[in-house]
Amino acid sequence: MQKVEAANDFAYQYQACRTLPIPATITSIEGYPAKLKIYLTSASKFWQSRCFFRGRVHTKTTRTTNKRLAINAAKQFYESLIGEYFQKTLDTKLDFKQSYKTLEFIAEQVIVREQERVNRGELSAATFKNNKARLRHLWIKHLGNRDISNITYQDIYSVSNTLTERGVSGIAVNQYQQALRLLFNYARRENLIASIPEFPKFKNQSMPRGPFTIKEYRLLVTAARSLTKIPVEKRPTKNNQRANGIFIKTENVPCEMEWLIRFMINGFMRPTDVIQIKHKHVEIIRAENIYLRLTLPETKRHTSQIVTLRPAVRVYEKLRQHMEQQSMAADEDYLFLPQVKDRRSAGILLSNHFIKILNATGLRTGQLGQSRTMYCLRHTAITFRLLYGRGIDLLTLARNARTSVQMIEKFYASQLTAEMNINLLQSRR
């Protein structure tokens, strides 16, 4: 008897492939191996994560419908996956066969060890993140399947040269090579290689950031004040204009920018310090000298306090008065853009607003052609002290700016000329 199917039978048939990925939703994770992906299925509303690792496919639900959160969950899934595997490998002291001597295998073990250093406070999280990205994005991608004992000078040069062909600076290339050295040092300690190959050298063409002159500094403050008052036409907000769901790039320059510029010029701090400063970190000292004492969180392995110049006190008082009117001047509130809890987003917003000010004043480019950013305010603060500070020594300045004398001599003082301090040169005892 011939079987006849109804027109709508397909709608009631059992779907055996509901857990298979929907092809259009499969997404790779930037900066991670291509074997790590997220995707959607017909069986769940949540994004799923999948990774092919050591001969089998591992899957895990991200428990979220938000793609950005799903990507973060997939990264954590991958880190836990390799962490557990390589820790077991180290604990059981397996004999290193050919597959265990590949650069990828060594790199993942080093990443586990570096994470342990971060947990112990021996390594900053930012340095670990950068080295991990350099290993996976470059070295594992090009040399991951190679036996580490067979990697030569020419192999390292060929991969490094791909960076220079893309316009990467010599300093950045050396940073990539420094990440690779971690693998060879580890392999040497584990007796996997007899010696470490020679690394190619790329010339460092470092260019100091362009500090501002007194005239340019005044122009920045005036422009910041003016841009705050300019009315902006309201436009519909698009997703690519949002930053942390609060501001859009077309918005007005906030009034904090004027105070931010003056605060940094008189405070010596880095932009990464500024976005982390809370009111509890600031103490006004009124004694023989009037200044702010800043007890900031650790940055770049520096934990020392910073003392500001006297003008920073008035800047802070104005800023605090403004924030008190908005009920955002509590001890745990941030000084600048306190409504943005994601401080990375706050830093991007402040940087974008400062670029608007630079463009408005025509100061986006320095005298040597370098592109200016917020970091130039720190360089300006240190340069002004070298020019106008009466008999200040480099050690005191370096410690207060949380840097070294060598860095000041190499970068901050590199654009000073003898004529700038002609009075000191011609002075008599």
Protein backbone atom coordinates (compact mmCIF):
# COMPACT_ATOMS: atom_id res chain seq x y z
CA MET A 1 0.00 0.00 0.00
CA GLN A 2 1.48 3.34 -1.04
CA LYS A 3 2.17 5.78 1.83
CA VAL A 4 0.75 9.25 1.30
CA GLU A 5 2.18 12.19 3.34
CA ALA A 6 0.00 15.11 4.40
CA ALA A 7 1.05 18.58 3.32
CA ASN A 8 1.88 19.65 6.90
CA ASP A 9 3.56 16.46 8.12
CA PHE A 10 6.95 18.20 8.21
CA ALA A 11 5.71 20.51 10.97
CA TYR A 12 5.05 17.57 13.27
CA GLN A 13 8.02 15.44 12.44
CA TYR A 14 10.63 14.86 15.17
CA GLN A 15 13.58 17.16 14.56
CA ALA A 16 16.66 15.03 15.20
CA CYS A 17 19.07 17.93 14.59
CA ARG A 18 17.67 20.60 16.89
CA THR A 19 20.97 20.75 18.82
CA LEU A 20 23.09 21.32 15.73
CA PRO A 21 24.46 24.86 15.26
CA ILE A 22 22.51 27.23 13.06
CA PRO A 23 25.17 27.97 10.40
CA ALA A 24 24.41 31.68 10.14
CA THR A 25 25.04 32.16 13.87
CA ILE A 26 28.44 30.46 14.19
CA THR A 27 30.90 33.10 15.43
CA SER A 28 34.62 32.89 16.13
CA ILE A 29 36.17 34.69 19.10
CA GLU A 30 38.68 37.39 18.16
CA GLY A 31 42.10 36.82 19.67
CA TYR A 32 41.38 33.15 20.44
CA PRO A 33 41.98 29.98 18.38
CA ALA A 34 39.55 29.37 15.52
CA LYS A 35 38.43 26.14 17.20
CA LEU A 36 36.56 28.20 19.83
CA LYS A 37 33.13 29.34 18.63
CA ILE A 38 29.70 30.37 19.86
CA TYR A 39 26.45 29.57 18.07
CA LEU A 40 22.68 29.25 18.43
CA THR A 41 20.58 26.11 18.08
CA SER A 42 16.89 25.40 17.63
CA ALA A 43 16.80 23.66 21.00
CA SER A 44 17.65 26.64 23.22
CA LYS A 45 17.33 30.40 23.33
CA PHE A 46 20.81 30.65 24.88
CA TRP A 47 24.10 30.96 23.01
CA GLN A 48 26.24 27.81 23.12
CA SER A 49 30.05 27.59 23.22
CA ARG A 50 32.05 24.89 21.48
CA CYS A 51 35.75 24.04 21.33
CA PHE A 52 37.63 21.20 19.67
CA PHE A 53 40.43 20.39 22.08
CA ARG A 54 42.80 17.41 22.30
CA GLY A 55 40.81 15.17 19.97
CA ARG A 56 37.24 15.83 21.12
CA VAL A 57 34.56 18.51 20.98
CA HIS A 58 33.67 20.24 24.24
CA THR A 59 30.40 22.19 24.49
CA LYS A 60 28.82 24.32 27.17
CA THR A 61 25.85 26.66 27.34
CA THR A 62 26.61 30.29 28.08
CA ARG A 63 23.23 30.75 29.81
CA THR A 64 22.68 34.12 28.14
CA THR A 65 20.92 35.50 25.08
CA ASN A 66 23.27 38.49 24.91
CA LYS A 67 25.98 37.88 22.32
CA ARG A 68 28.57 40.08 24.01
CA LEU A 69 28.11 38.27 27.33
CA ALA A 70 28.17 34.95 25.48
CA ILE A 71 31.59 35.80 24.02
CA ASN A 72 32.93 36.55 27.52
CA ALA A 73 31.47 33.27 28.79
CA ALA A 74 33.09 31.37 25.92
CA LYS A 75 36.47 32.88 26.79
CA GLN A 76 36.09 31.74 30.39
CA PHE A 77 35.04 28.29 29.16
CA TYR A 78 38.16 28.03 27.03
CA GLU A 79 40.45 29.23 29.83
CA SER A 80 39.01 26.72 32.29
CA LEU A 81 39.24 23.94 29.69
CA ILE A 82 42.93 24.37 28.94
CA GLY A 83 43.71 25.22 32.55
CA GLU A 84 42.29 21.95 33.85
CA TYR A 85 43.90 19.88 31.13
CA PHE A 86 47.39 21.29 31.36
CA GLN A 87 47.33 21.32 35.14
CA LYS A 88 46.56 17.59 35.05
CA THR A 89 49.38 17.16 32.57
CA LEU A 90 51.83 18.92 34.87
CA ASP A 91 50.62 17.10 37.99
CA THR A 92 50.92 13.63 36.44
CA LYS A 93 54.39 14.44 35.04
CA LEU A 94 53.68 12.88 31.66
CA ASP A 95 56.60 11.96 29.47
CA PHE A 96 56.84 14.62 26.79
CA LYS A 97 56.21 12.90 23.49
CA GLN A 98 56.36 14.65 20.17
CA SER A 99 52.85 16.16 20.54
CA TYR A 100 53.77 17.59 23.94
CA LYS A 101 56.75 19.50 22.52
CA THR A 102 54.75 21.61 20.09
CA LEU A 103 54.82 25.35 20.55
CA GLU A 104 51.05 25.43 21.14
CA PHE A 105 51.27 22.89 23.95
CA ILE A 106 54.14 24.76 25.60
CA ALA A 107 52.35 28.10 25.15
CA GLU A 108 49.19 26.91 26.90
CA GLN A 109 51.24 25.64 29.84
CA VAL A 110 53.05 28.97 30.09
CA ILE A 111 49.70 30.78 30.04
CA VAL A 112 48.55 28.67 32.99
CA ARG A 113 51.72 29.49 34.90
CA GLU A 114 51.45 33.19 34.08
CA GLN A 115 47.85 33.19 35.35
CA GLU A 116 49.11 31.73 38.61
CA ARG A 117 51.60 34.61 38.84
CA VAL A 118 48.73 37.06 38.40
CA ASN A 119 46.82 35.32 41.21
CA ARG A 120 49.86 35.68 43.47
CA GLY A 121 50.23 39.35 42.63
CA GLU A 122 53.59 38.86 40.90
CA LEU A 123 52.31 39.96 37.47
CA SER A 124 49.78 42.58 36.47
CA ALA A 125 46.57 41.42 34.80
CA ALA A 126 47.16 43.81 31.89
CA THR A 127 50.60 42.37 31.13
CA PHE A 128 49.23 38.82 31.30
CA LYS A 129 46.37 39.70 28.96
CA ASN A 130 48.71 41.30 26.42
CA ASN A 131 51.19 38.41 26.43
CA LYS A 132 48.42 35.85 26.11
CA ALA A 133 46.98 37.68 23.10
CA ARG A 134 50.41 37.93 21.46
CA LEU A 135 51.05 34.23 21.90
CA ARG A 136 47.72 33.11 20.51
CA HIS A 137 47.24 35.71 17.84
CA LEU A 138 50.71 35.42 16.33
CA TRP A 139 53.00 32.64 17.51
CA ILE A 140 50.47 29.83 17.94
CA LYS A 141 48.83 30.84 14.68
CA HIS A 142 52.07 30.57 12.67
CA LEU A 143 54.19 28.07 14.62
CA GLY A 144 51.71 26.26 16.86
CA ASN A 145 52.20 22.80 15.30
CA ARG A 146 56.01 23.02 15.20
CA ASP A 147 58.28 21.15 17.60
CA ILE A 148 59.74 23.91 19.75
CA SER A 149 63.22 22.33 19.57
CA ASN A 150 63.18 22.74 15.77
CA ILE A 151 62.22 26.43 15.69
CA THR A 152 65.14 28.46 14.37
CA TYR A 153 66.24 32.07 14.07
CA GLN A 154 64.86 32.15 10.51
CA ASP A 155 61.42 30.97 11.70
CA ILE A 156 61.25 33.71 14.31
CA TYR A 157 62.45 36.31 11.82
CA SER A 158 59.87 35.29 9.19
CA VAL A 159 56.96 35.57 11.61
CA SER A 160 58.27 38.82 13.12
CA ASN A 161 58.69 40.29 9.66
CA THR A 162 54.97 39.80 8.97
CA LEU A 163 54.39 42.36 11.73
CA THR A 164 56.75 44.92 10.23
CA GLU A 165 55.08 44.46 6.83
CA ARG A 166 51.81 45.45 8.49
CA GLY A 167 53.40 48.64 9.82
CA VAL A 168 53.89 47.46 13.41
CA SER A 169 56.62 49.46 15.18
CA GLY A 170 59.91 47.96 16.27
CA ILE A 171 58.93 48.37 19.93
CA ALA A 172 55.74 46.35 19.41
CA VAL A 173 57.63 43.64 17.49
CA ASN A 174 60.06 43.30 20.40
CA GLN A 175 57.11 42.97 22.77
CA TYR A 176 55.78 40.09 20.68
CA GLN A 177 59.22 38.48 20.80
CA GLN A 178 59.36 38.95 24.56
CA ALA A 179 56.19 36.88 24.85
CA LEU A 180 57.84 34.15 22.77
CA ARG A 181 60.89 34.19 25.04
CA LEU A 182 58.63 33.06 27.88
CA LEU A 183 58.02 29.81 25.98
CA PHE A 184 61.68 29.15 25.25
CA ASN A 185 62.69 29.94 28.83
CA TYR A 186 60.05 27.51 30.12
CA ALA A 187 61.11 24.82 27.62
CA ARG A 188 64.74 25.27 28.65
CA ARG A 189 63.90 24.87 32.34
CA GLU A 190 61.97 21.68 31.54
CA ASN A 191 64.91 20.32 29.49
CA LEU A 192 62.81 20.21 26.32
CA ILE A 193 65.45 22.15 24.40
CA ALA A 194 69.20 22.31 24.75
CA SER A 195 69.51 26.02 23.99
CA ILE A 196 67.44 29.07 23.12
CA PRO A 197 67.82 30.27 19.51
CA GLU A 198 69.03 33.77 18.81
CA PHE A 199 66.24 36.31 18.33
CA PRO A 200 66.30 38.85 15.48
CA LYS A 201 66.66 42.47 16.53
CA PHE A 202 64.40 45.22 15.23
CA LYS A 203 65.37 48.84 15.71
CA ASN A 204 63.31 50.78 18.21
CA GLN A 205 62.23 54.03 16.64
CA SER A 206 60.57 55.49 19.69
CA MET A 207 59.07 58.95 19.40
CA PRO A 208 58.20 60.87 22.56
CA ARG A 209 54.67 62.16 22.88
CA GLY A 210 54.42 65.84 22.09
CA PRO A 211 54.00 68.01 25.20
CA PHE A 212 52.04 71.25 24.99
CA THR A 213 53.43 74.73 25.43
CA ILE A 214 51.99 77.25 27.89
CA LYS A 215 50.12 78.93 25.03
CA GLU A 216 48.73 75.61 23.78
CA TYR A 217 47.71 74.61 27.32
CA ARG A 218 45.67 77.79 27.70
CA LEU A 219 44.13 77.19 24.29
CA LEU A 220 43.05 73.68 25.34
CA VAL A 221 41.36 74.94 28.50
CA THR A 222 39.56 77.71 26.59
CA ALA A 223 38.40 75.30 23.88
CA ALA A 224 37.15 72.75 26.43
CA ARG A 225 35.12 75.46 28.15
CA SER A 226 33.69 76.69 24.84
CA LEU A 227 32.77 73.24 23.51
CA THR A 228 30.85 72.53 26.69
CA LYS A 229 28.49 75.43 25.95
CA ILE A 230 27.87 74.71 22.26
CA PRO A 231 24.35 73.31 21.72
CA VAL A 232 24.30 69.99 19.90
CA GLU A 233 21.53 68.90 17.58
CA LYS A 234 19.75 65.85 18.96
CA ARG A 235 20.11 62.85 16.69
CA PRO A 236 18.70 59.35 16.97
CA THR A 237 21.03 57.11 18.93
CA LYS A 238 22.54 54.16 17.06
CA ASN A 239 24.06 51.08 18.65
CA ASN A 240 27.53 51.83 17.27
CA GLN A 241 27.46 55.26 18.96
CA ARG A 242 26.83 53.91 22.44
CA ALA A 243 29.52 53.53 25.06
CA ASN A 244 28.37 51.51 28.05
CA GLY A 245 24.79 52.44 27.12
CA ILE A 246 25.12 55.97 28.50
CA PHE A 247 26.71 58.41 26.08
CA ILE A 248 26.92 58.74 22.32
CA LYS A 249 29.89 60.05 20.36
CA THR A 250 27.92 63.02 19.03
CA GLU A 251 27.20 64.39 22.51
CA ASN A 252 28.56 67.63 23.92
CA VAL A 253 31.93 67.77 25.59
CA PRO A 254 31.14 67.43 29.34
CA CYS A 255 32.17 70.21 31.70
CA GLU A 256 34.57 67.82 33.46
CA MET A 257 36.97 68.02 30.52
CA GLU A 258 38.19 71.50 31.43
CA TRP A 259 38.88 70.33 34.99
CA LEU A 260 40.44 67.12 33.72
CA ILE A 261 42.98 68.99 31.61
CA ARG A 262 43.98 71.33 34.43
CA PHE A 263 43.99 68.47 36.96
CA MET A 264 46.40 66.35 34.90
CA ILE A 265 48.71 69.25 34.08
CA ASN A 266 49.07 69.93 37.81
CA GLY A 267 48.97 66.31 38.96
CA PHE A 268 51.50 64.27 36.93
CA MET A 269 49.19 61.23 36.74
CA ARG A 270 48.60 58.90 33.80
CA PRO A 271 45.20 58.69 32.06
CA THR A 272 44.84 55.18 33.51
CA ASP A 273 45.28 56.73 36.98
CA VAL A 274 42.76 59.48 36.35
CA ILE A 275 39.87 57.19 35.45
CA GLN A 276 40.39 55.18 38.67
CA ILE A 277 40.60 58.10 41.11
CA LYS A 278 37.80 58.20 43.67
CA HIS A 279 37.13 60.92 46.20
CA LYS A 280 38.44 58.65 48.96
CA HIS A 281 41.84 58.72 47.24
CA VAL A 282 42.11 62.51 47.49
CA GLU A 283 43.25 64.41 50.59
CA ILE A 284 43.63 68.19 50.70
CA ILE A 285 46.73 69.25 52.63
CA ARG A 286 46.81 72.82 53.98
CA ALA A 287 50.11 73.48 55.70
CA GLU A 288 53.16 75.46 54.71
CA ASN A 289 52.34 74.25 51.20
CA ILE A 290 48.87 73.61 49.86
CA TYR A 291 48.44 70.55 47.66
CA LEU A 292 46.51 67.32 47.09
CA ARG A 293 47.84 64.01 48.32
CA LEU A 294 46.65 61.24 46.01
CA THR A 295 46.76 57.66 47.30
CA LEU A 296 45.97 55.84 44.08
CA PRO A 297 45.46 52.16 43.23
CA GLU A 298 48.49 50.37 41.85
CA THR A 299 49.31 50.97 38.18
CA LYS A 300 52.36 49.68 36.25
CA ARG A 301 53.67 48.16 39.50
CA HIS A 302 53.77 51.60 41.17
CA THR A 303 52.06 52.11 44.53
CA SER A 304 53.58 55.38 45.78
CA GLN A 305 51.53 58.49 46.51
CA ILE A 306 51.36 61.51 44.23
CA VAL A 307 51.38 65.10 45.46
CA THR A 308 50.02 67.75 43.13
CA LEU A 309 50.78 71.40 42.55
CA ARG A 310 48.72 74.04 44.31
CA PRO A 311 46.38 74.85 41.34
CA ALA A 312 45.06 71.27 41.45
CA VAL A 313 43.44 72.02 44.83
CA ARG A 314 41.13 74.66 43.39
CA VAL A 315 40.33 72.44 40.40
CA TYR A 316 39.34 69.60 42.71
CA GLU A 317 37.22 71.86 44.91
CA LYS A 318 35.27 73.08 41.87
CA LEU A 319 34.84 69.55 40.59
CA ARG A 320 33.65 68.25 43.95
CA GLN A 321 31.20 71.14 44.36
CA HIS A 322 29.73 70.35 40.94
CA MET A 323 29.43 66.64 41.76
CA GLU A 324 27.83 67.31 45.15
CA GLN A 325 24.99 69.11 43.37
CA GLN A 326 24.39 65.87 41.46
CA SER A 327 24.81 63.64 44.54
CA MET A 328 27.90 61.99 43.05
CA ALA A 329 30.62 63.11 45.47
CA ALA A 330 30.63 60.20 47.93
CA ASP A 331 33.91 58.54 48.88
CA GLU A 332 33.31 55.65 46.46
CA ASP A 333 32.36 57.92 43.53
CA TYR A 334 34.87 58.51 40.76
CA LEU A 335 36.09 62.04 40.07
CA PHE A 336 35.43 62.03 36.33
CA LEU A 337 32.30 60.56 34.69
CA PRO A 338 31.24 58.84 37.94
CA GLN A 339 28.00 57.68 36.32
CA VAL A 340 29.96 55.32 34.07
CA LYS A 341 30.71 52.30 36.23
CA ASP A 342 32.68 50.52 33.53
CA ARG A 343 35.92 52.47 33.83
CA ARG A 344 37.31 51.18 30.55
CA SER A 345 34.33 52.78 28.81
CA ALA A 346 34.88 55.93 30.86
CA GLY A 347 38.47 56.09 29.66
CA ILE A 348 37.39 55.73 26.04
CA LEU A 349 34.81 58.50 26.46
CA LEU A 350 37.29 60.90 28.04
CA SER A 351 39.82 60.13 25.31
CA ASN A 352 37.25 60.75 22.56
CA HIS A 353 36.19 64.05 24.12
CA PHE A 354 39.82 65.15 24.41
CA ILE A 355 40.36 64.36 20.72
CA LYS A 356 37.40 66.63 19.93
CA ILE A 357 39.18 69.42 21.82
CA LEU A 358 42.45 68.72 20.00
CA ASN A 359 40.69 68.84 16.64
CA ALA A 360 38.95 72.08 17.54
CA THR A 361 42.26 73.74 18.47
CA GLY A 362 44.33 72.25 15.64
CA LEU A 363 46.69 70.61 18.13
CA ARG A 364 46.05 66.99 17.17
CA THR A 365 49.59 66.64 15.78
CA GLY A 366 52.79 67.45 17.67
CA GLN A 367 55.83 69.32 16.40
CA LEU A 368 57.50 66.07 15.31
CA GLY A 369 54.38 64.76 13.58
CA GLN A 370 53.30 62.52 16.46
CA SER A 371 49.60 61.99 17.15
CA ARG A 372 48.65 63.62 20.45
CA THR A 373 46.42 61.97 23.06
CA MET A 374 45.48 62.47 26.71
CA TYR A 375 48.86 61.02 27.68
CA CYS A 376 50.46 64.23 26.37
CA LEU A 377 48.98 66.04 29.39
CA ARG A 378 51.19 63.93 31.66
CA HIS A 379 54.21 64.68 29.48
CA THR A 380 53.35 68.36 29.66
CA ALA A 381 53.11 68.28 33.46
CA ILE A 382 56.57 66.72 33.79
CA THR A 383 58.08 68.98 31.11
CA PHE A 384 56.74 72.11 32.85
CA ARG A 385 58.42 71.03 36.10
CA LEU A 386 61.71 70.50 34.28
CA LEU A 387 61.41 73.94 32.71
CA TYR A 388 59.92 76.02 35.50
CA GLY A 389 60.63 74.06 38.71
CA ARG A 390 63.31 75.81 40.75
CA GLY A 391 66.19 73.36 41.17
CA ILE A 392 63.99 70.23 41.14
CA ASP A 393 65.95 66.98 40.95
CA LEU A 394 64.97 64.15 38.62
CA LEU A 395 64.70 61.52 41.36
CA THR A 396 62.06 63.49 43.29
CA LEU A 397 60.14 64.22 40.10
CA ALA A 398 60.34 60.60 38.93
CA ARG A 399 59.08 59.17 42.22
CA ASN A 400 56.21 61.61 42.41
CA ALA A 401 55.20 60.84 38.81
CA ARG A 402 55.49 57.09 39.50
CA THR A 403 58.14 56.51 36.88
CA SER A 404 61.94 56.22 36.70
CA VAL A 405 64.74 58.71 36.13
CA GLN A 406 65.69 56.76 33.00
CA MET A 407 62.20 57.19 31.53
CA ILE A 408 62.25 60.93 32.21
CA GLU A 409 65.65 61.31 30.55
CA LYS A 410 64.71 59.13 27.56
CA PHE A 411 61.21 60.43 26.82
CA TYR A 412 60.00 63.34 28.92
CA ALA A 413 63.19 65.42 28.72
CA SER A 414 64.13 64.41 25.19
CA GLN A 415 62.59 67.51 23.61
CA LEU A 416 64.12 70.02 26.01
CA THR A 417 66.81 72.30 24.64
CA ALA A 418 69.53 74.22 26.44
CA GLU A 419 67.94 77.51 25.44
CA MET A 420 64.79 76.64 27.37
CA ASN A 421 66.74 76.92 30.62
CA ILE A 422 69.04 79.73 29.60
CA ASN A 423 68.61 81.44 33.00
CA LEU A 424 69.99 78.41 34.84
CA LEU A 425 72.88 78.09 32.41
CA GLN A 426 73.89 81.74 32.88
CA SER A 427 73.21 81.90 36.63
CA ARG A 428 75.97 82.53 39.20
CA ARG A 429 76.39 81.42 42.78
